[in-house]
Amino acid sequence: MEQDHSILEIHRETLVGRLVQHLQESILSRKLKPGSRVSEVGVAKQFGVSRVPAREALQRLEDMNFIRRTHLGREIIQFSKKEFADIYELKNIVEAFGAMKGALRATSEDIDRLAALFVQMEEALGKNDIKRLQELNHSFHDGMVLCCNNAELIASFGSLAKRVRWAMPISMRVHERPALGYIEHKEIFTSFRNREAEKVRNLLETHSNENMKRILRVMESSGYESGKGEASR
């Protein structure tokens, strides 16, 4: 009987996603400490999987800036709160500028695609599906910047966003934050759709900067100092 490749792909994706989640939680809880080594062989042996999903999971964690390669192999990154804030602040500036340009250059199809996200957001909010809501939030932010049609700006934003999005669940756990975030996104999108470029920039900068402050407050209250630690427990 011929195997259904789509089912195999879903299984592989689910397996890789679970590996990423387990490793990410180990890093955030400091079970895997900054500077400690990780390898495909070690991950494969620990979780009883082949090296292929182990390799892909580690690659994703590299993209998320949890792990880096050195001449000795892969190691957990030591990431300071100050460094996180600096990267997040720069991301906010690049994103707001890109969204401002996007508001001026977006096509009607672009607007429709962004509008469709809000239907899905409402469904996720109604089901209290925070993970799905977080994915849709990212799609909304990415979508506005993509409309700017500036490849360098898009690449810069994408690189910066990857380095800070690991912290987004911290913000989403704040009481009533998912619903308030949805309202703020609707306000930003209304201005985007109306081509109010400067207003989009101001609203998005305020939205993102407040989000950054919220995350940093949680980090501080959790005793977070020199690495990705207790803040995400």
C-alpha atoms as a PDB file:
ATOM      1  CA  MET A   1       0.000   0.000   0.000  1.00  0.00           C
ATOM      2  CA  GLU A   2       1.425   3.366  -1.027  1.00  0.00           C
ATOM      3  CA  GLN A   3       2.117   5.773   1.815  1.00  0.00           C
ATOM      4  CA  ASP A   4       0.333   9.122   1.965  1.00  0.00           C
ATOM      5  CA  HIS A   5       3.216  11.622   1.816  1.00  0.00           C
ATOM      6  CA  SER A   6       1.035  14.431   3.170  1.00  0.00           C
ATOM      7  CA  ILE A   7       0.371  12.411   6.339  1.00  0.00           C
ATOM      8  CA  LEU A   8       4.077  11.652   6.684  1.00  0.00           C
ATOM      9  CA  GLU A   9       4.846  15.357   6.327  1.00  0.00           C
ATOM     10  CA  ILE A  10       2.310  16.297   9.010  1.00  0.00           C
ATOM     11  CA  HIS A  11       3.791  13.661  11.338  1.00  0.00           C
ATOM     12  CA  ARG A  12       7.334  14.926  10.723  1.00  0.00           C
ATOM     13  CA  GLU A  13       6.291  18.549  11.283  1.00  0.00           C
ATOM     14  CA  THR A  14       4.491  17.634  14.515  1.00  0.00           C
ATOM     15  CA  LEU A  15       7.520  15.709  15.762  1.00  0.00           C
ATOM     16  CA  VAL A  16       9.919  18.566  14.998  1.00  0.00           C
ATOM     17  CA  GLY A  17       7.551  21.045  16.646  1.00  0.00           C
ATOM     18  CA  ARG A  18       7.437  18.954  19.819  1.00  0.00           C
ATOM     19  CA  LEU A  19      11.216  18.673  19.918  1.00  0.00           C
ATOM     20  CA  VAL A  20      11.532  22.447  19.550  1.00  0.00           C
ATOM     21  CA  GLN A  21       9.003  22.989  22.334  1.00  0.00           C
ATOM     22  CA  HIS A  22      10.723  20.566  24.738  1.00  0.00           C
ATOM     23  CA  LEU A  23      14.176  22.016  24.067  1.00  0.00           C
ATOM     24  CA  GLN A  24      12.900  25.592  24.285  1.00  0.00           C
ATOM     25  CA  GLU A  25      11.276  24.898  27.669  1.00  0.00           C
ATOM     26  CA  SER A  26      14.505  23.295  28.905  1.00  0.00           C
ATOM     27  CA  ILE A  27      16.453  26.389  27.892  1.00  0.00           C
ATOM     28  CA  LEU A  28      13.935  28.799  29.409  1.00  0.00           C
ATOM     29  CA  SER A  29      13.794  26.857  32.681  1.00  0.00           C
ATOM     30  CA  ARG A  30      17.613  26.677  32.783  1.00  0.00           C
ATOM     31  CA  LYS A  31      17.673  22.868  32.677  1.00  0.00           C
ATOM     32  CA  LEU A  32      19.923  23.537  29.685  1.00  0.00           C
ATOM     33  CA  LYS A  33      22.205  26.303  30.887  1.00  0.00           C
ATOM     34  CA  PRO A  34      23.833  29.034  28.748  1.00  0.00           C
ATOM     35  CA  GLY A  35      27.073  27.764  27.227  1.00  0.00           C
ATOM     36  CA  SER A  36      26.116  24.084  27.487  1.00  0.00           C
ATOM     37  CA  ARG A  37      26.558  21.970  24.356  1.00  0.00           C
ATOM     38  CA  VAL A  38      23.761  20.371  22.325  1.00  0.00           C
ATOM     39  CA  SER A  39      24.077  18.048  19.339  1.00  0.00           C
ATOM     40  CA  GLU A  40      21.946  16.177  16.833  1.00  0.00           C
ATOM     41  CA  VAL A  41      23.178  12.865  18.230  1.00  0.00           C
ATOM     42  CA  GLY A  42      22.393  13.890  21.803  1.00  0.00           C
ATOM     43  CA  VAL A  43      18.891  15.146  20.993  1.00  0.00           C
ATOM     44  CA  ALA A  44      18.125  12.085  18.856  1.00  0.00           C
ATOM     45  CA  LYS A  45      19.217   9.757  21.670  1.00  0.00           C
ATOM     46  CA  GLN A  46      17.405  11.682  24.407  1.00  0.00           C
ATOM     47  CA  PHE A  47      14.055  11.714  22.609  1.00  0.00           C
ATOM     48  CA  GLY A  48      14.359   8.422  20.755  1.00  0.00           C
ATOM     49  CA  VAL A  49      14.157   9.927  17.261  1.00  0.00           C
ATOM     50  CA  SER A  50      16.329   9.914  14.152  1.00  0.00           C
ATOM     51  CA  ARG A  51      18.910  12.605  13.488  1.00  0.00           C
ATOM     52  CA  VAL A  52      16.793  14.227  10.752  1.00  0.00           C
ATOM     53  CA  PRO A  53      14.099  15.741  13.035  1.00  0.00           C
ATOM     54  CA  ALA A  54      16.765  16.436  15.674  1.00  0.00           C
ATOM     55  CA  ARG A  55      18.787  18.410  13.123  1.00  0.00           C
ATOM     56  CA  GLU A  56      15.729  20.364  11.977  1.00  0.00           C
ATOM     57  CA  ALA A  57      14.691  21.180  15.557  1.00  0.00           C
ATOM     58  CA  LEU A  58      18.156  22.503  16.367  1.00  0.00           C
ATOM     59  CA  GLN A  59      18.163  24.561  13.176  1.00  0.00           C
ATOM     60  CA  ARG A  60      14.885  26.181  14.178  1.00  0.00           C
ATOM     61  CA  LEU A  61      16.283  26.995  17.598  1.00  0.00           C
ATOM     62  CA  GLU A  62      19.281  28.589  15.876  1.00  0.00           C
ATOM     63  CA  ASP A  63      16.886  30.709  13.813  1.00  0.00           C
ATOM     64  CA  MET A  64      15.109  31.725  17.033  1.00  0.00           C
ATOM     65  CA  ASN A  65      18.482  32.697  18.537  1.00  0.00           C
ATOM     66  CA  PHE A  66      18.389  30.118  21.335  1.00  0.00           C
ATOM     67  CA  ILE A  67      21.385  28.205  19.976  1.00  0.00           C
ATOM     68  CA  ARG A  68      24.473  29.168  18.008  1.00  0.00           C
ATOM     69  CA  ARG A  69      27.214  27.294  16.196  1.00  0.00           C
ATOM     70  CA  THR A  70      30.825  27.586  17.315  1.00  0.00           C
ATOM     71  CA  HIS A  71      33.975  25.812  16.176  1.00  0.00           C
ATOM     72  CA  LEU A  72      33.251  23.279  18.938  1.00  0.00           C
ATOM     73  CA  GLY A  73      29.646  22.660  17.879  1.00  0.00           C
ATOM     74  CA  ARG A  74      26.274  24.029  18.984  1.00  0.00           C
ATOM     75  CA  GLU A  75      25.798  25.738  22.340  1.00  0.00           C
ATOM     76  CA  ILE A  76      23.029  27.464  24.288  1.00  0.00           C
ATOM     77  CA  ILE A  77      23.250  31.240  23.936  1.00  0.00           C
ATOM     78  CA  GLN A  78      23.859  33.532  26.897  1.00  0.00           C
ATOM     79  CA  PHE A  79      21.380  36.317  26.235  1.00  0.00           C
ATOM     80  CA  SER A  80      21.168  39.384  28.492  1.00  0.00           C
ATOM     81  CA  LYS A  81      18.053  41.393  29.247  1.00  0.00           C
ATOM     82  CA  LYS A  82      19.791  44.530  27.938  1.00  0.00           C
ATOM     83  CA  GLU A  83      20.647  42.829  24.654  1.00  0.00           C
ATOM     84  CA  PHE A  84      17.069  41.625  24.314  1.00  0.00           C
ATOM     85  CA  ALA A  85      15.744  45.165  24.889  1.00  0.00           C
ATOM     86  CA  ASP A  86      18.171  46.648  22.347  1.00  0.00           C
ATOM     87  CA  ILE A  87      17.158  44.173  19.653  1.00  0.00           C
ATOM     88  CA  TYR A  88      13.455  44.569  20.417  1.00  0.00           C
ATOM     89  CA  GLU A  89      13.694  48.355  20.265  1.00  0.00           C
ATOM     90  CA  LEU A  90      15.405  48.220  16.869  1.00  0.00           C
ATOM     91  CA  LYS A  91      12.833  45.707  15.624  1.00  0.00           C
ATOM     92  CA  ASN A  92      10.042  48.085  16.621  1.00  0.00           C
ATOM     93  CA  ILE A  93      11.583  50.981  14.656  1.00  0.00           C
ATOM     94  CA  VAL A  94      12.178  48.918  11.509  1.00  0.00           C
ATOM     95  CA  GLU A  95       8.720  47.344  11.720  1.00  0.00           C
ATOM     96  CA  ALA A  96       6.887  50.650  12.191  1.00  0.00           C
ATOM     97  CA  PHE A  97       8.701  52.212   9.242  1.00  0.00           C
ATOM     98  CA  GLY A  98       8.011  49.171   7.065  1.00  0.00           C
ATOM     99  CA  ALA A  99       4.320  49.167   7.985  1.00  0.00           C
ATOM    100  CA  MET A 100       4.104  52.901   7.253  1.00  0.00           C
ATOM    101  CA  LYS A 101       5.507  52.292   3.757  1.00  0.00           C
ATOM    102  CA  GLY A 102       3.284  49.254   3.430  1.00  0.00           C
ATOM    103  CA  ALA A 103       0.176  51.342   4.055  1.00  0.00           C
ATOM    104  CA  LEU A 104       1.094  53.480   1.048  1.00  0.00           C
ATOM    105  CA  ARG A 105       2.024  50.597  -1.257  1.00  0.00           C
ATOM    106  CA  ALA A 106      -0.434  47.836  -0.323  1.00  0.00           C
ATOM    107  CA  THR A 107      -2.670  46.495  -3.076  1.00  0.00           C
ATOM    108  CA  SER A 108      -6.360  45.750  -2.599  1.00  0.00           C
ATOM    109  CA  GLU A 109      -5.418  42.048  -2.487  1.00  0.00           C
ATOM    110  CA  ASP A 110      -2.944  42.777   0.312  1.00  0.00           C
ATOM    111  CA  ILE A 111      -5.652  44.572   2.277  1.00  0.00           C
ATOM    112  CA  ASP A 112      -8.053  41.675   1.791  1.00  0.00           C
ATOM    113  CA  ARG A 113      -5.463  39.170   3.028  1.00  0.00           C
ATOM    114  CA  LEU A 114      -4.855  41.196   6.177  1.00  0.00           C
ATOM    115  CA  ALA A 115      -8.586  41.643   6.757  1.00  0.00           C
ATOM    116  CA  ALA A 116      -9.096  37.879   6.509  1.00  0.00           C
ATOM    117  CA  LEU A 117      -6.704  37.381   9.409  1.00  0.00           C
ATOM    118  CA  PHE A 118      -9.105  39.151  11.747  1.00  0.00           C
ATOM    119  CA  VAL A 119     -11.847  36.609  11.077  1.00  0.00           C
ATOM    120  CA  GLN A 120      -9.422  33.898  12.184  1.00  0.00           C
ATOM    121  CA  MET A 121      -8.296  36.003  15.150  1.00  0.00           C
ATOM    122  CA  GLU A 122     -11.869  36.306  16.371  1.00  0.00           C
ATOM    123  CA  GLU A 123     -12.308  32.541  16.153  1.00  0.00           C
ATOM    124  CA  ALA A 124      -9.061  31.905  18.035  1.00  0.00           C
ATOM    125  CA  LEU A 125      -9.983  34.491  20.674  1.00  0.00           C
ATOM    126  CA  GLY A 126     -13.396  32.893  21.132  1.00  0.00           C
ATOM    127  CA  LYS A 127     -11.789  29.494  21.673  1.00  0.00           C
ATOM    128  CA  ASN A 128      -9.060  30.992  23.883  1.00  0.00           C
ATOM    129  CA  ASP A 129      -6.557  29.397  21.498  1.00  0.00           C
ATOM    130  CA  ILE A 130      -3.566  31.512  22.520  1.00  0.00           C
ATOM    131  CA  LYS A 131      -1.058  29.611  20.391  1.00  0.00           C
ATOM    132  CA  ARG A 132      -3.119  30.141  17.240  1.00  0.00           C
ATOM    133  CA  LEU A 133      -3.764  33.758  18.149  1.00  0.00           C
ATOM    134  CA  GLN A 134      -0.043  34.325  18.543  1.00  0.00           C
ATOM    135  CA  GLU A 135       0.626  32.835  15.089  1.00  0.00           C
ATOM    136  CA  LEU A 136      -2.025  35.098  13.543  1.00  0.00           C
ATOM    137  CA  ASN A 137      -0.581  38.134  15.316  1.00  0.00           C
ATOM    138  CA  HIS A 138       2.788  37.385  13.761  1.00  0.00           C
ATOM    139  CA  SER A 139       1.152  36.988  10.352  1.00  0.00           C
ATOM    140  CA  PHE A 140      -0.518  40.370  10.729  1.00  0.00           C
ATOM    141  CA  HIS A 141       2.692  42.173  11.683  1.00  0.00           C
ATOM    142  CA  ASP A 142       4.645  40.382   8.948  1.00  0.00           C
ATOM    143  CA  GLY A 143       1.931  41.094   6.396  1.00  0.00           C
ATOM    144  CA  MET A 144       1.995  44.845   6.917  1.00  0.00           C
ATOM    145  CA  VAL A 145       5.769  45.001   6.512  1.00  0.00           C
ATOM    146  CA  LEU A 146       5.702  42.762   3.429  1.00  0.00           C
ATOM    147  CA  CYS A 147       3.497  45.335   1.721  1.00  0.00           C
ATOM    148  CA  CYS A 148       6.376  47.838   1.711  1.00  0.00           C
ATOM    149  CA  ASN A 149       7.976  45.962  -1.239  1.00  0.00           C
ATOM    150  CA  ASN A 150      11.460  46.743   0.071  1.00  0.00           C
ATOM    151  CA  ALA A 151      13.441  43.490   0.155  1.00  0.00           C
ATOM    152  CA  GLU A 152      16.199  44.814   2.416  1.00  0.00           C
ATOM    153  CA  LEU A 153      13.772  46.272   4.925  1.00  0.00           C
ATOM    154  CA  ILE A 154      11.720  43.056   4.953  1.00  0.00           C
ATOM    155  CA  ALA A 155      14.845  40.953   5.505  1.00  0.00           C
ATOM    156  CA  SER A 156      16.051  43.213   8.321  1.00  0.00           C
ATOM    157  CA  PHE A 157      12.697  43.071  10.067  1.00  0.00           C
ATOM    158  CA  GLY A 158      12.476  39.289   9.672  1.00  0.00           C
ATOM    159  CA  SER A 159      15.928  38.787  11.168  1.00  0.00           C
ATOM    160  CA  LEU A 160      15.212  41.022  14.163  1.00  0.00           C
ATOM    161  CA  ALA A 161      11.751  39.554  14.766  1.00  0.00           C
ATOM    162  CA  LYS A 162      13.151  36.008  14.903  1.00  0.00           C
ATOM    163  CA  ARG A 163      15.499  37.058  17.674  1.00  0.00           C
ATOM    164  CA  VAL A 164      12.783  38.335  20.025  1.00  0.00           C
ATOM    165  CA  ARG A 165       9.613  36.396  19.246  1.00  0.00           C
ATOM    166  CA  TRP A 166      10.526  33.641  21.677  1.00  0.00           C
ATOM    167  CA  ALA A 167       9.354  36.072  24.389  1.00  0.00           C
ATOM    168  CA  MET A 168       5.877  36.730  22.972  1.00  0.00           C
ATOM    169  CA  PRO A 169       4.125  34.116  25.162  1.00  0.00           C
ATOM    170  CA  ILE A 170       5.231  36.184  28.173  1.00  0.00           C
ATOM    171  CA  SER A 171       3.134  39.107  26.979  1.00  0.00           C
ATOM    172  CA  MET A 172       0.200  36.928  25.927  1.00  0.00           C
ATOM    173  CA  ARG A 173      -0.087  35.476  29.447  1.00  0.00           C
ATOM    174  CA  VAL A 174      -0.859  38.888  30.961  1.00  0.00           C
ATOM    175  CA  HIS A 175      -4.526  38.946  32.001  1.00  0.00           C
ATOM    176  CA  GLU A 176      -6.842  40.240  29.243  1.00  0.00           C
ATOM    177  CA  ARG A 177      -3.852  40.942  26.987  1.00  0.00           C
ATOM    178  CA  PRO A 178      -5.022  38.772  24.050  1.00  0.00           C
ATOM    179  CA  ALA A 179      -8.339  40.666  23.813  1.00  0.00           C
ATOM    180  CA  LEU A 180      -6.687  44.065  24.204  1.00  0.00           C
ATOM    181  CA  GLY A 181      -4.064  43.141  21.613  1.00  0.00           C
ATOM    182  CA  TYR A 182      -6.828  42.251  19.176  1.00  0.00           C
ATOM    183  CA  ILE A 183      -8.446  45.676  19.682  1.00  0.00           C
ATOM    184  CA  GLU A 184      -5.115  47.445  19.143  1.00  0.00           C
ATOM    185  CA  HIS A 185      -4.475  45.437  15.979  1.00  0.00           C
ATOM    186  CA  LYS A 186      -7.909  46.399  14.629  1.00  0.00           C
ATOM    187  CA  GLU A 187      -7.130  50.074  15.208  1.00  0.00           C
ATOM    188  CA  ILE A 188      -3.774  49.746  13.437  1.00  0.00           C
ATOM    189  CA  PHE A 189      -5.375  47.900  10.522  1.00  0.00           C
ATOM    190  CA  THR A 190      -8.121  50.513  10.146  1.00  0.00           C
ATOM    191  CA  SER A 191      -5.461  53.184   9.701  1.00  0.00           C
ATOM    192  CA  PHE A 192      -3.471  50.897   7.388  1.00  0.00           C
ATOM    193  CA  ARG A 193      -6.508  50.263   5.179  1.00  0.00           C
ATOM    194  CA  ASN A 194      -7.244  54.015   5.076  1.00  0.00           C
ATOM    195  CA  ARG A 195      -3.647  54.717   3.958  1.00  0.00           C
ATOM    196  CA  GLU A 196      -2.996  56.826   7.062  1.00  0.00           C
ATOM    197  CA  ALA A 197       0.687  55.973   6.929  1.00  0.00           C
ATOM    198  CA  GLU A 198       2.013  58.211   9.695  1.00  0.00           C
ATOM    199  CA  LYS A 199      -0.770  57.136  12.030  1.00  0.00           C
ATOM    200  CA  VAL A 200       0.064  53.480  11.325  1.00  0.00           C
ATOM    201  CA  ARG A 201       3.677  54.149  12.246  1.00  0.00           C
ATOM    202  CA  ASN A 202       2.768  55.915  15.502  1.00  0.00           C
ATOM    203  CA  LEU A 203       0.178  53.343  16.574  1.00  0.00           C
ATOM    204  CA  LEU A 204       2.449  50.422  15.804  1.00  0.00           C
ATOM    205  CA  GLU A 205       5.436  51.946  17.603  1.00  0.00           C
ATOM    206  CA  THR A 206       3.288  52.556  20.680  1.00  0.00           C
ATOM    207  CA  HIS A 207       1.808  49.046  20.517  1.00  0.00           C
ATOM    208  CA  SER A 208       5.200  47.347  20.119  1.00  0.00           C
ATOM    209  CA  ASN A 209       7.037  49.479  22.671  1.00  0.00           C
ATOM    210  CA  GLU A 210       4.376  48.834  25.304  1.00  0.00           C
ATOM    211  CA  ASN A 211       4.626  45.133  24.529  1.00  0.00           C
ATOM    212  CA  MET A 212       8.390  45.297  25.015  1.00  0.00           C
ATOM    213  CA  LYS A 213       7.994  47.085  28.365  1.00  0.00           C
ATOM    214  CA  ARG A 214       5.459  44.484  29.492  1.00  0.00           C
ATOM    215  CA  ILE A 215       7.855  41.637  28.701  1.00  0.00           C
ATOM    216  CA  LEU A 216      10.748  43.378  30.464  1.00  0.00           C
ATOM    217  CA  ARG A 217       8.603  43.956  33.562  1.00  0.00           C
ATOM    218  CA  VAL A 218       7.779  40.260  33.735  1.00  0.00           C
ATOM    219  CA  MET A 219      11.452  39.419  33.277  1.00  0.00           C
ATOM    220  CA  GLU A 220      12.417  41.717  36.144  1.00  0.00           C
ATOM    221  CA  SER A 221       9.697  40.439  38.462  1.00  0.00           C
ATOM    222  CA  SER A 222      10.913  36.899  37.754  1.00  0.00           C
ATOM    223  CA  GLY A 223      14.502  37.694  38.667  1.00  0.00           C
ATOM    224  CA  TYR A 224      15.693  37.428  35.074  1.00  0.00           C
ATOM    225  CA  GLU A 225      19.172  38.897  34.730  1.00  0.00           C
ATOM    226  CA  SER A 226      21.735  37.293  32.478  1.00  0.00           C
ATOM    227  CA  GLY A 227      19.945  34.681  30.432  1.00  0.00           C
ATOM    228  CA  LYS A 228      16.693  33.260  29.120  1.00  0.00           C
ATOM    229  CA  GLY A 229      15.530  31.895  32.419  1.00  0.00           C
ATOM    230  CA  GLU A 230      12.740  32.154  34.874  1.00  0.00           C
ATOM    231  CA  ALA A 231      10.691  34.718  32.946  1.00  0.00           C
ATOM    232  CA  SER A 232       8.843  32.167  30.849  1.00  0.00           C
ATOM    233  CA  ARG A 233       7.943  29.704  33.549  1.00  0.00           C
END
